[in-house]
């Protein structure tokens, strides 16, 4: 499948080049004038509006502009991809892919949690929706999409609804059978799963097989903003030409880039914290089971407490927030209407004492809304 799509992209890239519109190396800096490779650069593209020393005596070096290229390289190696493109947010990622990569003659097959991201992006391609990584449903949608020229199957590496890892080997088998490209959302996987933090691809020993891997830098990479598109070189090169990269990338700060680089460089050393995530999640599961709650089986640090219908889930979420507990409430259409749930995403900063306190608040919430009465 990718060979055909690769040829299409190469032809488009050649057209851009022949028209003299090919964008060169992307340069990001907040300084008005700086040096790069021994040359003076005058920056009129998103510089800071005030001198940096107006706010701080901390002097920044010109070399800081290289952190963005270093970060792209780091993500590329981590995911065993061919290239990488940095963007500001995951919303930008979905918008660039759905608006620029795919055309009206193509198909995009996606999981329910991506629904709002793709709708907000006004996707050009025909949409086919499957439900929570259901392989039978995925195959059905792939069959339905055969009339389209190109197909892109987008899956979450880890389902936020259950915390389970996508069966990547079976997914690729379906994609190969029905000639589909694959995009993996590594938001809850990269930096967390695999001995080297390479995500679900490393877990299944299939790193680099997906044509596209996307994710945010705000989960496992100690950043407040930032996202990426990694994958095949032609795809990244084409999107780099098509998207409004300088504007989108402007709000990725050097601090975030440096934090992400440091996080990637220390992933092997961080194995103990990543193991702890599963340990604290397992402790929570035992605690909530002991209180009579229904817990969805999970393979990661996300624990879903199933509470029934949408109304109960919303009441639960409201009670929890008033009690100082922030969670994610999943209701239909993101989840079956009778299986609405409260999702707890555990951090290595959470302790068993934290879990016990939150479990007690859950118990009081259940009693208050008479959760166990019917």
Protein backbone atom coordinates (compact mmCIF):
# COMPACT_ATOMS: atom_id res chain seq x y z
CA UNK A 1 0.00 0.00 0.00
CA UNK A 2 2.69 2.47 0.94
CA UNK A 3 4.57 2.02 -2.34
CA UNK A 4 1.61 3.48 -4.26
CA UNK A 5 1.12 6.29 -1.77
CA UNK A 6 4.84 6.98 -1.72
CA UNK A 7 4.81 7.44 -5.51
CA UNK A 8 1.91 9.89 -5.22
CA UNK A 9 3.77 11.95 -2.60
CA UNK A 10 7.01 11.94 -4.55
CA UNK A 11 5.15 13.28 -7.57
CA UNK A 12 3.58 16.04 -5.47
CA UNK A 13 6.93 16.92 -3.92
CA UNK A 14 8.46 17.12 -7.38
CA UNK A 15 5.70 19.52 -8.46
CA UNK A 16 6.40 21.72 -5.45
CA UNK A 17 10.10 21.70 -6.21
CA UNK A 18 9.64 22.41 -9.92
CA UNK A 19 7.42 25.36 -9.04
CA UNK A 20 10.20 26.77 -6.85
CA UNK A 21 8.03 26.49 -3.74
CA UNK A 22 9.98 23.87 -1.79
CA UNK A 23 10.63 25.01 1.76
CA UNK A 24 14.17 24.58 3.02
CA UNK A 25 15.42 23.77 6.49
CA UNK A 26 13.04 24.94 9.17
CA UNK A 27 14.60 27.39 11.61
CA UNK A 28 12.93 28.32 14.88
CA UNK A 29 14.27 31.01 17.17
CA UNK A 30 12.81 33.69 19.46
CA UNK A 31 15.77 36.07 18.91
CA UNK A 32 15.53 38.97 16.47
CA UNK A 33 19.12 38.54 15.26
CA UNK A 34 21.27 35.47 15.77
CA UNK A 35 24.02 33.44 14.16
CA UNK A 36 23.70 30.01 12.62
CA UNK A 37 26.51 28.12 10.90
CA UNK A 38 28.62 31.28 11.03
CA UNK A 39 26.04 33.45 9.28
CA UNK A 40 23.97 36.30 10.69
CA UNK A 41 20.23 35.63 10.56
CA UNK A 42 17.65 38.44 10.78
CA UNK A 43 14.49 36.93 12.23
CA UNK A 44 11.13 38.47 11.29
CA UNK A 45 9.21 35.23 11.86
CA UNK A 46 7.83 34.90 15.38
CA UNK A 47 10.62 36.55 17.41
CA UNK A 48 9.94 37.56 21.01
CA UNK A 49 8.36 41.03 20.98
CA UNK A 50 10.61 42.13 23.85
CA UNK A 51 14.28 41.54 24.56
CA UNK A 52 14.71 38.36 26.59
CA UNK A 53 16.81 40.18 29.22
CA UNK A 54 13.92 42.61 29.78
CA UNK A 55 12.34 39.91 31.93
CA UNK A 56 15.32 37.86 32.99
CA UNK A 57 19.05 38.16 33.38
CA UNK A 58 19.38 34.62 32.07
CA UNK A 59 21.29 34.85 28.80
CA UNK A 60 20.30 32.44 26.08
CA UNK A 61 22.77 31.20 23.50
CA UNK A 62 22.27 31.04 19.77
CA UNK A 63 22.89 27.31 19.96
CA UNK A 64 19.48 26.91 21.56
CA UNK A 65 17.84 27.01 18.12
CA UNK A 66 19.32 23.56 17.43
CA UNK A 67 17.19 21.92 20.13
CA UNK A 68 14.23 21.65 17.79
CA UNK A 69 16.22 19.72 15.20
CA UNK A 70 17.72 17.62 17.99
CA UNK A 71 14.26 16.83 19.33
CA UNK A 72 12.97 15.80 15.90
CA UNK A 73 15.99 13.53 15.57
CA UNK A 74 15.43 12.09 19.05
CA UNK A 75 11.80 11.23 18.38
CA UNK A 76 12.74 9.74 15.00
CA UNK A 77 15.24 7.38 16.64
CA UNK A 78 12.96 6.56 19.58
CA UNK A 79 10.16 5.38 17.28
CA UNK A 80 12.48 3.90 14.64
CA UNK A 81 10.92 6.24 12.09
CA UNK A 82 12.48 7.88 9.03
CA UNK A 83 11.68 11.50 9.86
CA UNK A 84 9.75 13.71 12.26
CA UNK A 85 7.85 16.98 12.23
CA UNK A 86 7.16 19.03 15.38
CA UNK A 87 3.85 20.82 15.84
CA UNK A 88 2.25 22.74 18.66
CA UNK A 89 -0.54 20.37 19.70
CA UNK A 90 -2.23 17.07 18.94
CA UNK A 91 -5.14 19.03 17.46
CA UNK A 92 -2.70 20.54 14.97
CA UNK A 93 -1.43 17.06 14.16
CA UNK A 94 -4.90 15.76 13.32
CA UNK A 95 -5.67 18.87 11.33
CA UNK A 96 -2.52 18.64 9.23
CA UNK A 97 -3.05 14.95 8.49
CA UNK A 98 -6.75 15.18 7.71
CA UNK A 99 -6.60 18.43 5.71
CA UNK A 100 -3.26 18.15 3.95
CA UNK A 101 -2.34 14.49 3.61
CA UNK A 102 -5.70 13.08 2.55
CA UNK A 103 -8.00 14.17 -0.27
CA UNK A 104 -11.71 13.76 -0.98
CA UNK A 105 -10.96 10.54 -2.83
CA UNK A 106 -9.35 8.95 0.23
CA UNK A 107 -10.67 7.26 3.36
CA UNK A 108 -9.82 7.76 7.01
CA UNK A 109 -10.76 4.92 9.37
CA UNK A 110 -10.56 5.99 12.99
CA UNK A 111 -11.38 5.06 16.56
CA UNK A 112 -14.20 6.72 18.47
CA UNK A 113 -11.97 8.85 20.78
CA UNK A 114 -10.58 10.60 17.68
CA UNK A 115 -14.09 11.65 16.63
CA UNK A 116 -13.98 15.22 17.86
CA UNK A 117 -10.41 15.87 16.77
CA UNK A 118 -11.25 14.85 13.22
CA UNK A 119 -14.60 16.62 13.10
CA UNK A 120 -12.95 19.81 14.28
CA UNK A 121 -10.42 19.43 11.49
CA UNK A 122 -13.11 19.35 8.77
CA UNK A 123 -11.52 16.25 7.28
CA UNK A 124 -11.63 16.05 3.48
CA UNK A 125 -11.53 12.25 3.30
CA UNK A 126 -14.54 9.99 3.71
CA UNK A 127 -14.80 8.94 7.37
CA UNK A 128 -15.26 5.40 8.62
CA UNK A 129 -15.59 4.99 12.38
CA UNK A 130 -14.86 1.87 14.43
CA UNK A 131 -15.36 1.41 18.14
CA UNK A 132 -12.62 1.10 20.77
CA UNK A 133 -10.14 -0.96 18.75
CA UNK A 134 -12.66 -3.70 17.96
CA UNK A 135 -10.83 -5.76 15.31
CA UNK A 136 -14.07 -7.11 13.84
CA UNK A 137 -15.39 -3.59 13.46
CA UNK A 138 -12.07 -2.41 12.01
CA UNK A 139 -12.20 -5.12 9.34
CA UNK A 140 -15.79 -4.16 8.53
CA UNK A 141 -14.82 -0.51 8.03
CA UNK A 142 -11.77 -1.45 5.96
CA UNK A 143 -14.02 -3.49 3.66
CA UNK A 144 -16.43 -0.58 3.31
CA UNK A 145 -13.61 1.79 2.40
CA UNK A 146 -12.24 -0.20 -0.54
CA UNK A 147 -13.76 2.16 -3.10
CA UNK A 148 -11.48 4.98 -1.96
CA UNK A 149 -8.05 5.50 -3.51
CA UNK A 150 -6.01 5.62 -0.29
CA UNK A 151 -6.96 4.41 3.17
CA UNK A 152 -5.50 5.60 6.46
CA UNK A 153 -6.30 3.60 9.58
CA UNK A 154 -5.74 5.61 12.80
CA UNK A 155 -5.58 3.74 16.10
CA UNK A 156 -4.70 4.60 19.67
CA UNK A 157 -1.67 2.63 20.86
CA UNK A 158 -3.35 2.51 24.26
CA UNK A 159 -7.11 2.86 24.54
CA UNK A 160 -8.06 5.56 27.01
CA UNK A 161 -11.36 3.74 27.51
CA UNK A 162 -9.72 0.58 28.88
CA UNK A 163 -6.00 1.20 29.27
CA UNK A 164 -5.30 -1.77 27.03
CA UNK A 165 -2.64 -1.98 24.33
CA UNK A 166 -3.72 -2.31 20.71
CA UNK A 167 -3.02 -5.82 19.30
CA UNK A 168 -0.59 -4.37 16.80
CA UNK A 169 0.30 -7.60 15.02
CA UNK A 170 -3.35 -8.34 14.22
CA UNK A 171 -3.94 -4.74 13.23
CA UNK A 172 -1.10 -4.76 10.70
CA UNK A 173 -2.38 -8.05 9.31
CA UNK A 174 -5.74 -6.40 8.59
CA UNK A 175 -4.08 -3.29 7.16
CA UNK A 176 -1.98 -5.43 4.80
CA UNK A 177 -5.01 -7.48 3.79
CA UNK A 178 -7.06 -4.43 2.88
CA UNK A 179 -4.20 -2.24 1.59
CA UNK A 180 -4.36 0.46 4.24
CA UNK A 181 -1.80 2.84 5.66
CA UNK A 182 -1.53 2.83 9.46
CA UNK A 183 -1.21 5.78 11.82
CA UNK A 184 -0.63 5.05 15.51
CA UNK A 185 -1.43 7.63 18.16
CA UNK A 186 1.39 7.06 20.66
CA UNK A 187 0.18 9.62 23.21
CA UNK A 188 -0.20 7.06 26.01
CA UNK A 189 2.52 4.74 24.72
CA UNK A 190 5.73 6.49 23.61
CA UNK A 191 8.01 7.09 26.57
CA UNK A 192 5.95 4.68 28.69
CA UNK A 193 5.98 1.25 27.06
CA UNK A 194 8.88 -0.90 25.92
CA UNK A 195 12.30 -1.40 27.46
CA UNK A 196 13.60 1.68 25.68
CA UNK A 197 10.34 3.66 25.87
CA UNK A 198 9.70 3.18 22.16
CA UNK A 199 6.01 2.54 22.72
CA UNK A 200 3.70 -0.14 21.43
CA UNK A 201 5.83 -0.80 18.35
CA UNK A 202 8.72 -1.83 20.57
CA UNK A 203 6.44 -4.04 22.68
CA UNK A 204 5.40 -6.02 19.60
CA UNK A 205 8.84 -5.78 17.95
CA UNK A 206 7.22 -3.87 15.09
CA UNK A 207 8.93 -0.51 15.54
CA UNK A 208 8.87 1.58 12.40
CA UNK A 209 6.29 -0.54 10.56
CA UNK A 210 3.51 2.06 10.80
CA UNK A 211 3.60 4.69 8.07
CA UNK A 212 2.71 7.41 10.59
CA UNK A 213 3.16 7.75 14.36
CA UNK A 214 1.75 10.73 16.19
CA UNK A 215 1.60 11.90 19.76
CA UNK A 216 1.82 14.72 22.26
CA UNK A 217 4.85 15.69 24.30
CA UNK A 218 2.72 16.55 27.34
CA UNK A 219 2.36 13.04 28.81
CA UNK A 220 5.69 11.27 29.13
CA UNK A 221 8.13 13.96 28.03
CA UNK A 222 7.76 16.63 30.72
CA UNK A 223 6.40 19.31 28.36
CA UNK A 224 3.54 21.79 28.60
CA UNK A 225 3.02 21.86 24.83
CA UNK A 226 4.19 20.20 21.67
CA UNK A 227 3.29 17.25 19.46
CA UNK A 228 4.81 15.35 16.58
CA UNK A 229 4.22 13.46 13.36
CA UNK A 230 6.86 10.79 12.75
CA UNK A 231 7.05 8.16 10.07
CA UNK A 232 7.92 7.71 6.43
CA UNK A 233 10.20 10.37 4.98
CA UNK A 234 7.94 11.30 2.06
CA UNK A 235 4.95 11.78 4.34
CA UNK A 236 6.86 14.05 6.73
CA UNK A 237 8.52 15.95 3.86
CA UNK A 238 5.16 16.54 2.21
CA UNK A 239 3.47 17.70 5.41
CA UNK A 240 6.40 19.97 6.17
CA UNK A 241 5.72 21.70 2.84
CA UNK A 242 1.97 21.87 3.27
CA UNK A 243 1.38 22.88 6.88
CA UNK A 244 1.90 26.35 8.27
CA UNK A 245 4.86 25.08 10.24
CA UNK A 246 6.44 28.32 11.50
CA UNK A 247 3.16 29.50 13.06
CA UNK A 248 2.28 26.13 14.54
CA UNK A 249 5.72 25.53 15.95
CA UNK A 250 6.22 28.98 17.41
CA UNK A 251 4.69 28.17 20.78
CA UNK A 252 6.91 25.13 21.39
CA UNK A 253 9.31 26.73 23.81
CA UNK A 254 12.99 25.93 23.99
CA UNK A 255 12.41 24.80 27.57
CA UNK A 256 9.84 22.24 26.41
CA UNK A 257 12.14 21.06 23.65
CA UNK A 258 15.03 20.71 26.09
CA UNK A 259 12.81 18.88 28.59
CA UNK A 260 11.68 16.43 25.91
CA UNK A 261 15.26 15.78 24.79
CA UNK A 262 16.30 15.14 28.38
CA UNK A 263 13.33 12.80 28.91
CA UNK A 264 14.20 10.80 25.79
CA UNK A 265 17.87 10.58 26.76
CA UNK A 266 16.98 9.23 30.21
CA UNK A 267 14.27 6.73 29.24
CA UNK A 268 16.46 3.70 29.88
CA UNK A 269 17.37 5.03 33.31
CA UNK A 270 13.70 5.72 34.02
CA UNK A 271 12.57 2.11 33.79
CA UNK A 272 11.92 1.93 37.56
CA UNK A 273 9.38 4.77 37.42
CA UNK A 274 7.69 3.23 34.38
CA UNK A 275 7.41 -0.08 36.22
CA UNK A 276 6.03 1.75 39.23
CA UNK A 277 3.17 3.11 37.12
CA UNK A 278 1.88 -0.42 36.58
CA UNK A 279 2.41 -1.28 40.25
CA UNK A 280 0.40 1.68 41.52
CA UNK A 281 -2.33 0.98 38.95
CA UNK A 282 -2.54 -2.65 40.11
CA UNK A 283 -2.75 -1.50 43.71
CA UNK A 284 -5.65 0.80 42.78
CA UNK A 285 -7.44 -2.01 40.95
CA UNK A 286 -7.27 -4.24 44.03
CA UNK A 287 -8.46 -1.39 46.24
CA UNK A 288 -11.44 -0.52 44.04
CA UNK A 289 -12.38 -4.17 43.54
CA UNK A 290 -12.42 -4.51 47.29
CA UNK A 291 -15.01 -1.72 47.47
CA UNK A 292 -17.25 -3.45 44.94
CA UNK A 293 -16.48 -1.37 41.85
CA UNK A 294 -16.34 -2.83 38.35
CA UNK A 295 -12.91 -2.23 36.83
CA UNK A 296 -12.10 -2.69 33.16
CA UNK A 297 -9.04 -4.98 32.68
CA UNK A 298 -6.00 -2.83 31.91
CA UNK A 299 -2.42 -3.32 30.76
CA UNK A 300 -1.18 0.17 31.59
CA UNK A 301 -1.34 2.98 34.14
CA UNK A 302 -4.91 3.91 33.16
CA UNK A 303 -7.67 2.44 35.31
CA UNK A 304 -11.31 2.69 34.25
CA UNK A 305 -14.03 2.51 36.89
CA UNK A 306 -17.23 1.51 35.08
CA UNK A 307 -20.21 3.32 36.58
CA UNK A 308 -23.06 2.56 34.18
CA UNK A 309 -25.01 5.15 32.23
CA UNK A 310 -24.07 8.69 31.26
CA UNK A 311 -26.03 10.29 34.07
CA UNK A 312 -24.31 8.26 36.77
CA UNK A 313 -20.92 8.97 35.25
CA UNK A 314 -21.56 12.72 35.20
CA UNK A 315 -22.83 12.67 38.80
CA UNK A 316 -19.74 10.72 39.82
CA UNK A 317 -17.41 13.13 38.04
CA UNK A 318 -19.10 16.16 39.59
CA UNK A 319 -18.89 14.67 43.10
CA UNK A 320 -15.23 13.77 42.62
CA UNK A 321 -14.28 17.22 41.39
CA UNK A 322 -16.07 18.89 44.30
CA UNK A 323 -14.08 16.56 46.56
CA UNK A 324 -10.77 17.55 44.98
CA UNK A 325 -10.31 14.60 42.62
CA UNK A 326 -9.72 15.35 38.93
CA UNK A 327 -10.51 12.50 36.54
CA UNK A 328 -11.62 11.87 32.97
CA UNK A 329 -15.30 11.06 32.49
CA UNK A 330 -16.04 9.00 29.37
CA UNK A 331 -19.64 8.87 28.19
CA UNK A 332 -21.33 8.09 24.88
CA UNK A 333 -20.58 8.50 22.03
CA UNK A 334 -16.98 7.90 23.14
CA UNK A 335 -18.08 4.76 24.97
CA UNK A 336 -21.18 2.53 24.99
CA UNK A 337 -23.96 4.43 26.72
CA UNK A 338 -24.39 1.77 29.44
CA UNK A 339 -20.65 1.46 30.10
CA UNK A 340 -19.78 5.07 30.95
CA UNK A 341 -16.70 5.27 33.14
CA UNK A 342 -14.36 7.34 35.21
CA UNK A 343 -10.73 7.03 34.06
CA UNK A 344 -7.82 7.45 36.46
CA UNK A 345 -4.44 8.14 34.84
CA UNK A 346 -1.74 7.31 37.35
CA UNK A 347 1.54 9.18 37.70
CA UNK A 348 4.77 8.00 39.31
CA UNK A 349 4.13 10.81 41.79
CA UNK A 350 1.01 9.07 43.13
CA UNK A 351 1.42 7.01 46.31
CA UNK A 352 -0.55 4.16 47.83
CA UNK A 353 -1.82 6.65 50.39
CA UNK A 354 -3.16 8.81 47.55
CA UNK A 355 -4.96 5.79 46.14
CA UNK A 356 -6.51 4.95 49.50
CA UNK A 357 -7.74 8.51 49.96
CA UNK A 358 -9.26 8.62 46.48
CA UNK A 359 -10.83 5.19 46.89
CA UNK A 360 -12.55 6.45 50.04
CA UNK A 361 -13.90 9.45 48.11
CA UNK A 362 -15.19 7.06 45.44
CA UNK A 363 -16.91 5.02 48.15
CA UNK A 364 -18.61 8.14 49.52
CA UNK A 365 -19.60 9.19 46.00
CA UNK A 366 -21.19 5.79 45.37
CA UNK A 367 -23.09 6.00 48.65
CA UNK A 368 -24.26 9.56 47.96
CA UNK A 369 -25.71 8.77 44.53
CA UNK A 370 -26.87 5.31 45.63
CA UNK A 371 -24.63 3.72 43.07
CA UNK A 372 -24.87 0.16 44.44
CA UNK A 373 -28.66 0.21 44.90
CA UNK A 374 -29.50 -0.94 41.37
